[in-house]
Every structure is written in C-alpha cells, then in structure tokens.
Amino acid sequence: MTRGKQKIEAQRKNAEKNQKSKGSQIEARAVALKVTCPICKVQLANQNQLGDHYGSKHPKEKPPSNSE
C-alpha cells in the first residue's frame, strides 16, 4: 500500500501548489480599472475608453480632460 500513500501525498502537494498560484479575479480587475466616469461611476481601464463611453452613454456631456 505504499503507492496509495504516495498518491495521497502527491494530491495534497498539488492542491497546495494550485491554491497558492491562483489569485483573486476581483483583485486583478480592481487593479486594471483605473478611470471612473464621474457621471455614472462606471470603472474603465483607460482614458480612451472613457472618451468612447462618453460618446455612447453621455453624448450631450463633454468628456473630462486627460489630466484627471
């Protein structure tokens, strides 16, 4: 029954290894989203996406300057 014990140990080690390498998708998303629309509070990745967002969702409003 030595192989059974080796199998259990290998499964335990793999489980620990896989658990450490996986990160939170929510945390990664929060880091990537850096720009927020001041009108509707939608989070966007960059200033270009904010300009496109304004064009489609807030066509009567003027997009904020890039300095924000």
PDB file of N, CA and C in Angstrom:
ATOM      1  N   MET A   1       0.818  -1.194   0.000  1.00  0.00           N
ATOM      2  CA  MET A   1       0.000   0.000   0.000  1.00  0.00           C
ATOM      3  C   MET A   1       0.867   1.266   0.000  1.00  0.00           C
ATOM      4  N   THR A   2       2.101   1.139  -0.354  1.00  0.00           N
ATOM      5  CA  THR A   2       2.969   2.305  -0.379  1.00  0.00           C
ATOM      6  C   THR A   2       2.521   3.292  -1.450  1.00  0.00           C
ATOM      7  N   ARG A   3       2.100   2.761  -2.589  1.00  0.00           N
ATOM      8  CA  ARG A   3       1.700   3.638  -3.685  1.00  0.00           C
ATOM      9  C   ARG A   3       0.480   4.477  -3.307  1.00  0.00           C
ATOM     10  N   GLY A   4      -0.404   3.950  -2.521  1.00  0.00           N
ATOM     11  CA  GLY A   4      -1.577   4.699  -2.084  1.00  0.00           C
ATOM     12  C   GLY A   4      -1.186   5.919  -1.263  1.00  0.00           C
ATOM     13  N   LYS A   5      -0.206   5.727  -0.376  1.00  0.00           N
ATOM     14  CA  LYS A   5       0.257   6.856   0.444  1.00  0.00           C
ATOM     15  C   LYS A   5       0.958   7.902  -0.421  1.00  0.00           C
ATOM     16  N   GLN A   6       1.734   7.469  -1.400  1.00  0.00           N
ATOM     17  CA  GLN A   6       2.420   8.396  -2.299  1.00  0.00           C
ATOM     18  C   GLN A   6       1.400   9.204  -3.114  1.00  0.00           C
ATOM     19  N   LYS A   7       0.348   8.535  -3.542  1.00  0.00           N
ATOM     20  CA  LYS A   7      -0.688   9.196  -4.316  1.00  0.00           C
ATOM     21  C   LYS A   7      -1.374  10.286  -3.487  1.00  0.00           C
ATOM     22  N   ILE A   8      -1.691   9.978  -2.242  1.00  0.00           N
ATOM     23  CA  ILE A   8      -2.337  10.946  -1.361  1.00  0.00           C
ATOM     24  C   ILE A   8      -1.418  12.136  -1.110  1.00  0.00           C
ATOM     25  N   GLU A   9      -0.145  11.870  -0.880  1.00  0.00           N
ATOM     26  CA  GLU A   9       0.817  12.950  -0.653  1.00  0.00           C
ATOM     27  C   GLU A   9       0.959  13.833  -1.897  1.00  0.00           C
ATOM     28  N   ALA A  10       1.000  13.204  -3.065  1.00  0.00           N
ATOM     29  CA  ALA A  10       1.110  13.955  -4.319  1.00  0.00           C
ATOM     30  C   ALA A  10      -0.123  14.829  -4.528  1.00  0.00           C
ATOM     31  N   GLN A  11      -1.294  14.308  -4.243  1.00  0.00           N
ATOM     32  CA  GLN A  11      -2.523  15.087  -4.382  1.00  0.00           C
ATOM     33  C   GLN A  11      -2.531  16.274  -3.424  1.00  0.00           C
ATOM     34  N   ARG A  12      -2.069  16.054  -2.197  1.00  0.00           N
ATOM     35  CA  ARG A  12      -2.018  17.123  -1.206  1.00  0.00           C
ATOM     36  C   ARG A  12      -1.048  18.220  -1.644  1.00  0.00           C
ATOM     37  N   LYS A  13       0.124  17.840  -2.137  1.00  0.00           N
ATOM     38  CA  LYS A  13       1.110  18.818  -2.596  1.00  0.00           C
ATOM     39  C   LYS A  13       0.589  19.608  -3.799  1.00  0.00           C
ATOM     40  N   ASN A  14      -0.055  18.921  -4.726  1.00  0.00           N
ATOM     41  CA  ASN A  14      -0.605  19.600  -5.898  1.00  0.00           C
ATOM     42  C   ASN A  14      -1.715  20.569  -5.503  1.00  0.00           C
ATOM     43  N   ALA A  15      -2.529  20.179  -4.544  1.00  0.00           N
ATOM     44  CA  ALA A  15      -3.604  21.055  -4.088  1.00  0.00           C
ATOM     45  C   ALA A  15      -3.028  22.332  -3.460  1.00  0.00           C
ATOM     46  N   GLU A  16      -1.978  22.197  -2.643  1.00  0.00           N
ATOM     47  CA  GLU A  16      -1.337  23.357  -2.029  1.00  0.00           C
ATOM     48  C   GLU A  16      -0.703  24.251  -3.089  1.00  0.00           C
ATOM     49  N   LYS A  17      -0.044  23.637  -4.053  1.00  0.00           N
ATOM     50  CA  LYS A  17       0.618  24.386  -5.124  1.00  0.00           C
ATOM     51  C   LYS A  17      -0.400  25.163  -5.957  1.00  0.00           C
ATOM     52  N   ASN A  18      -1.497  24.529  -6.329  1.00  0.00           N
ATOM     53  CA  ASN A  18      -2.525  25.186  -7.133  1.00  0.00           C
ATOM     54  C   ASN A  18      -3.248  26.275  -6.355  1.00  0.00           C
ATOM     55  N   GLN A  19      -3.416  26.077  -5.077  1.00  0.00           N
ATOM     56  CA  GLN A  19      -4.103  27.050  -4.255  1.00  0.00           C
ATOM     57  C   GLN A  19      -3.285  28.334  -4.145  1.00  0.00           C
ATOM     58  N   LYS A  20      -1.974  28.242  -4.037  1.00  0.00           N
ATOM     59  CA  LYS A  20      -1.116  29.408  -3.890  1.00  0.00           C
ATOM     60  C   LYS A  20      -1.018  30.192  -5.194  1.00  0.00           C
ATOM     61  N   SER A  21      -1.009  29.523  -6.325  1.00  0.00           N
ATOM     62  CA  SER A  21      -0.788  30.202  -7.590  1.00  0.00           C
ATOM     63  C   SER A  21      -2.011  30.967  -8.084  1.00  0.00           C
ATOM     64  N   LYS A  22      -3.187  30.579  -7.675  1.00  0.00           N
ATOM     65  CA  LYS A  22      -4.394  31.255  -8.130  1.00  0.00           C
ATOM     66  C   LYS A  22      -4.613  32.529  -7.328  1.00  0.00           C
ATOM     67  N   GLY A  23      -4.915  33.612  -8.051  1.00  0.00           N
ATOM     68  CA  GLY A  23      -5.205  34.878  -7.404  1.00  0.00           C
ATOM     69  C   GLY A  23      -6.676  35.196  -7.533  1.00  0.00           C
ATOM     70  N   SER A  24      -7.071  36.228  -6.882  1.00  0.00           N
ATOM     71  CA  SER A  24      -8.459  36.638  -6.944  1.00  0.00           C
ATOM     72  C   SER A  24      -8.720  37.415  -8.224  1.00  0.00           C
ATOM     73  N   GLN A  25      -9.722  37.027  -8.949  1.00  0.00           N
ATOM     74  CA  GLN A  25     -10.070  37.723 -10.181  1.00  0.00           C
ATOM     75  C   GLN A  25     -10.620  39.108  -9.860  1.00  0.00           C
ATOM     76  N   ILE A  26     -11.257  39.252  -8.730  1.00  0.00           N
ATOM     77  CA  ILE A  26     -11.806  40.537  -8.320  1.00  0.00           C
ATOM     78  C   ILE A  26     -10.673  41.526  -8.038  1.00  0.00           C
ATOM     79  N   GLU A  27      -9.616  41.056  -7.375  1.00  0.00           N
ATOM     80  CA  GLU A  27      -8.476  41.918  -7.087  1.00  0.00           C
ATOM     81  C   GLU A  27      -7.775  42.337  -8.370  1.00  0.00           C
ATOM     82  N   ALA A  28      -7.603  41.415  -9.298  1.00  0.00           N
ATOM     83  CA  ALA A  28      -6.950  41.729 -10.567  1.00  0.00           C
ATOM     84  C   ALA A  28      -7.773  42.736 -11.358  1.00  0.00           C
ATOM     85  N   ARG A  29      -9.067  42.611 -11.316  1.00  0.00           N
ATOM     86  CA  ARG A  29      -9.956  43.540 -12.028  1.00  0.00           C
ATOM     87  C   ARG A  29      -9.871  44.934 -11.410  1.00  0.00           C
ATOM     88  N   ALA A  30      -9.816  45.005 -10.100  1.00  0.00           N
ATOM     89  CA  ALA A  30      -9.741  46.294  -9.421  1.00  0.00           C
ATOM     90  C   ALA A  30      -8.449  47.029  -9.763  1.00  0.00           C
ATOM     91  N   VAL A  31      -7.369  46.294  -9.916  1.00  0.00           N
ATOM     92  CA  VAL A  31      -6.094  46.905 -10.276  1.00  0.00           C
ATOM     93  C   VAL A  31      -6.139  47.431 -11.704  1.00  0.00           C
ATOM     94  N   ALA A  32      -6.786  46.711 -12.606  1.00  0.00           N
ATOM     95  CA  ALA A  32      -6.820  47.087 -14.014  1.00  0.00           C
ATOM     96  C   ALA A  32      -7.727  48.288 -14.277  1.00  0.00           C
ATOM     97  N   LEU A  33      -8.776  48.452 -13.507  1.00  0.00           N
ATOM     98  CA  LEU A  33      -9.727  49.539 -13.740  1.00  0.00           C
ATOM     99  C   LEU A  33      -9.294  50.781 -12.971  1.00  0.00           C
ATOM    100  N   LYS A  34      -8.773  51.762 -13.709  1.00  0.00           N
ATOM    101  CA  LYS A  34      -8.198  52.920 -13.057  1.00  0.00           C
ATOM    102  C   LYS A  34      -8.988  54.210 -13.259  1.00  0.00           C
ATOM    103  N   VAL A  35      -9.833  54.300 -14.269  1.00  0.00           N
ATOM    104  CA  VAL A  35     -10.573  55.529 -14.582  1.00  0.00           C
ATOM    105  C   VAL A  35     -12.049  55.303 -14.263  1.00  0.00           C
ATOM    106  N   THR A  36     -12.674  56.296 -13.646  1.00  0.00           N
ATOM    107  CA  THR A  36     -14.088  56.201 -13.286  1.00  0.00           C
ATOM    108  C   THR A  36     -14.853  57.342 -13.944  1.00  0.00           C
ATOM    109  N   CYS A  37     -15.989  57.017 -14.519  1.00  0.00           N
ATOM    110  CA  CYS A  37     -16.862  58.030 -15.113  1.00  0.00           C
ATOM    111  C   CYS A  37     -17.487  58.828 -13.969  1.00  0.00           C
ATOM    112  N   PRO A  38     -17.303  60.159 -13.971  1.00  0.00           N
ATOM    113  CA  PRO A  38     -17.852  60.952 -12.862  1.00  0.00           C
ATOM    114  C   PRO A  38     -19.382  61.042 -12.867  1.00  0.00           C
ATOM    115  N   ILE A  39     -20.016  60.740 -13.985  1.00  0.00           N
ATOM    116  CA  ILE A  39     -21.475  60.849 -14.066  1.00  0.00           C
ATOM    117  C   ILE A  39     -22.151  59.579 -13.553  1.00  0.00           C
ATOM    118  N   CYS A  40     -21.765  58.419 -14.121  1.00  0.00           N
ATOM    119  CA  CYS A  40     -22.463  57.174 -13.757  1.00  0.00           C
ATOM    120  C   CYS A  40     -21.601  56.213 -12.941  1.00  0.00           C
ATOM    121  N   LYS A  41     -20.372  56.599 -12.624  1.00  0.00           N
ATOM    122  CA  LYS A  41     -19.460  55.837 -11.753  1.00  0.00           C
ATOM    123  C   LYS A  41     -19.039  54.478 -12.325  1.00  0.00           C
ATOM    124  N   VAL A  42     -19.076  54.324 -13.649  1.00  0.00           N
ATOM    125  CA  VAL A  42     -18.603  53.101 -14.288  1.00  0.00           C
ATOM    126  C   VAL A  42     -17.078  53.130 -14.296  1.00  0.00           C
ATOM    127  N   GLN A  43     -16.438  52.019 -13.961  1.00  0.00           N
ATOM    128  CA  GLN A  43     -14.986  51.943 -13.955  1.00  0.00           C
ATOM    129  C   GLN A  43     -14.491  51.471 -15.314  1.00  0.00           C
ATOM    130  N   LEU A  44     -13.470  52.174 -15.831  1.00  0.00           N
ATOM    131  CA  LEU A  44     -12.905  51.861 -17.133  1.00  0.00           C
ATOM    132  C   LEU A  44     -11.391  51.725 -17.004  1.00  0.00           C
ATOM    133  N   ALA A  45     -10.779  51.069 -17.997  1.00  0.00           N
ATOM    134  CA  ALA A  45      -9.358  50.771 -17.925  1.00  0.00           C
ATOM    135  C   ALA A  45      -8.479  51.977 -18.248  1.00  0.00           C
ATOM    136  N   ASN A  46      -8.874  52.818 -19.203  1.00  0.00           N
ATOM    137  CA  ASN A  46      -8.016  53.940 -19.577  1.00  0.00           C
ATOM    138  C   ASN A  46      -8.841  55.122 -20.070  1.00  0.00           C
ATOM    139  N   GLN A  47      -8.138  56.210 -20.373  1.00  0.00           N
ATOM    140  CA  GLN A  47      -8.775  57.454 -20.785  1.00  0.00           C
ATOM    141  C   GLN A  47      -9.475  57.315 -22.140  1.00  0.00           C
ATOM    142  N   ASN A  48      -8.926  56.502 -23.046  1.00  0.00           N
ATOM    143  CA  ASN A  48      -9.550  56.299 -24.356  1.00  0.00           C
ATOM    144  C   ASN A  48     -10.931  55.649 -24.214  1.00  0.00           C
ATOM    145  N   GLN A  49     -11.024  54.683 -23.339  1.00  0.00           N
ATOM    146  CA  GLN A  49     -12.314  54.038 -23.103  1.00  0.00           C
ATOM    147  C   GLN A  49     -13.308  55.027 -22.487  1.00  0.00           C
ATOM    148  N   LEU A  50     -12.809  55.942 -21.668  1.00  0.00           N
ATOM    149  CA  LEU A  50     -13.688  56.949 -21.085  1.00  0.00           C
ATOM    150  C   LEU A  50     -14.247  57.853 -22.176  1.00  0.00           C
ATOM    151  N   GLY A  51     -13.411  58.231 -23.148  1.00  0.00           N
ATOM    152  CA  GLY A  51     -13.889  59.053 -24.259  1.00  0.00           C
ATOM    153  C   GLY A  51     -14.956  58.331 -25.064  1.00  0.00           C
ATOM    154  N   ASP A  52     -14.739  57.053 -25.354  1.00  0.00           N
ATOM    155  CA  ASP A  52     -15.732  56.256 -26.079  1.00  0.00           C
ATOM    156  C   ASP A  52     -17.024  56.118 -25.268  1.00  0.00           C
ATOM    157  N   HIS A  53     -16.869  55.938 -23.968  1.00  0.00           N
ATOM    158  CA  HIS A  53     -18.016  55.803 -23.073  1.00  0.00           C
ATOM    159  C   HIS A  53     -18.863  57.082 -23.107  1.00  0.00           C
ATOM    160  N   TYR A  54     -18.206  58.217 -23.040  1.00  0.00           N
ATOM    161  CA  TYR A  54     -18.924  59.488 -23.102  1.00  0.00           C
ATOM    162  C   TYR A  54     -19.664  59.622 -24.420  1.00  0.00           C
ATOM    163  N   GLY A  55     -19.025  59.202 -25.531  1.00  0.00           N
ATOM    164  CA  GLY A  55     -19.664  59.305 -26.831  1.00  0.00           C
ATOM    165  C   GLY A  55     -20.926  58.476 -26.936  1.00  0.00           C
ATOM    166  N   SER A  56     -20.946  57.320 -26.294  1.00  0.00           N
ATOM    167  CA  SER A  56     -22.107  56.437 -26.417  1.00  0.00           C
ATOM    168  C   SER A  56     -23.135  56.622 -25.302  1.00  0.00           C
ATOM    169  N   LYS A  57     -22.710  56.858 -24.080  1.00  0.00           N
ATOM    170  CA  LYS A  57     -23.644  56.930 -22.948  1.00  0.00           C
ATOM    171  C   LYS A  57     -24.030  58.354 -22.555  1.00  0.00           C
ATOM    172  N   HIS A  58     -23.121  59.314 -22.765  1.00  0.00           N
ATOM    173  CA  HIS A  58     -23.384  60.695 -22.366  1.00  0.00           C
ATOM    174  C   HIS A  58     -23.058  61.627 -23.544  1.00  0.00           C
ATOM    175  N   PRO A  59     -23.778  61.526 -24.647  1.00  0.00           N
ATOM    176  CA  PRO A  59     -23.405  62.293 -25.857  1.00  0.00           C
ATOM    177  C   PRO A  59     -23.532  63.808 -25.685  1.00  0.00           C
ATOM    178  N   LYS A  60     -24.366  64.291 -24.793  1.00  0.00           N
ATOM    179  CA  LYS A  60     -24.541  65.732 -24.605  1.00  0.00           C
ATOM    180  C   LYS A  60     -23.490  66.330 -23.677  1.00  0.00           C
ATOM    181  N   GLU A  61     -22.774  65.464 -22.949  1.00  0.00           N
ATOM    182  CA  GLU A  61     -21.762  65.930 -21.996  1.00  0.00           C
ATOM    183  C   GLU A  61     -20.390  65.956 -22.666  1.00  0.00           C
ATOM    184  N   LYS A  62     -19.514  66.783 -22.127  1.00  0.00           N
ATOM    185  CA  LYS A  62     -18.146  66.870 -22.626  1.00  0.00           C
ATOM    186  C   LYS A  62     -17.245  65.986 -21.742  1.00  0.00           C
ATOM    187  N   PRO A  63     -16.415  65.122 -22.346  1.00  0.00           N
ATOM    188  CA  PRO A  63     -15.532  64.270 -21.531  1.00  0.00           C
ATOM    189  C   PRO A  63     -14.536  65.106 -20.726  1.00  0.00           C
ATOM    190  N   PRO A  64     -14.162  64.644 -19.542  1.00  0.00           N
ATOM    191  CA  PRO A  64     -13.191  65.388 -18.744  1.00  0.00           C
ATOM    192  C   PRO A  64     -11.822  65.367 -19.425  1.00  0.00           C
ATOM    193  N   SER A  65     -10.968  66.301 -19.045  1.00  0.00           N
ATOM    194  CA  SER A  65      -9.626  66.379 -19.635  1.00  0.00           C
ATOM    195  C   SER A  65      -8.783  65.193 -19.183  1.00  0.00           C
ATOM    196  N   ASN A  66      -7.678  64.932 -19.888  1.00  0.00           N
ATOM    197  CA  ASN A  66      -6.786  63.802 -19.572  1.00  0.00           C
ATOM    198  C   ASN A  66      -6.009  63.996 -18.299  1.00  0.00           C
ATOM    199  N   SER A  67      -5.980  65.203 -17.740  1.00  0.00           N
ATOM    200  CA  SER A  67      -5.175  65.474 -16.552  1.00  0.00           C
ATOM    201  C   SER A  67      -5.757  64.883 -15.274  1.00  0.00           C
ATOM    202  N   GLU A  68      -7.010  64.419 -15.301  1.00  0.00           N
ATOM    203  CA  GLU A  68      -7.642  63.881 -14.090  1.00  0.00           C
ATOM    204  C   GLU A  68      -7.105  62.539 -13.715  1.00  0.00           C
TER     205      GLU A  68
END
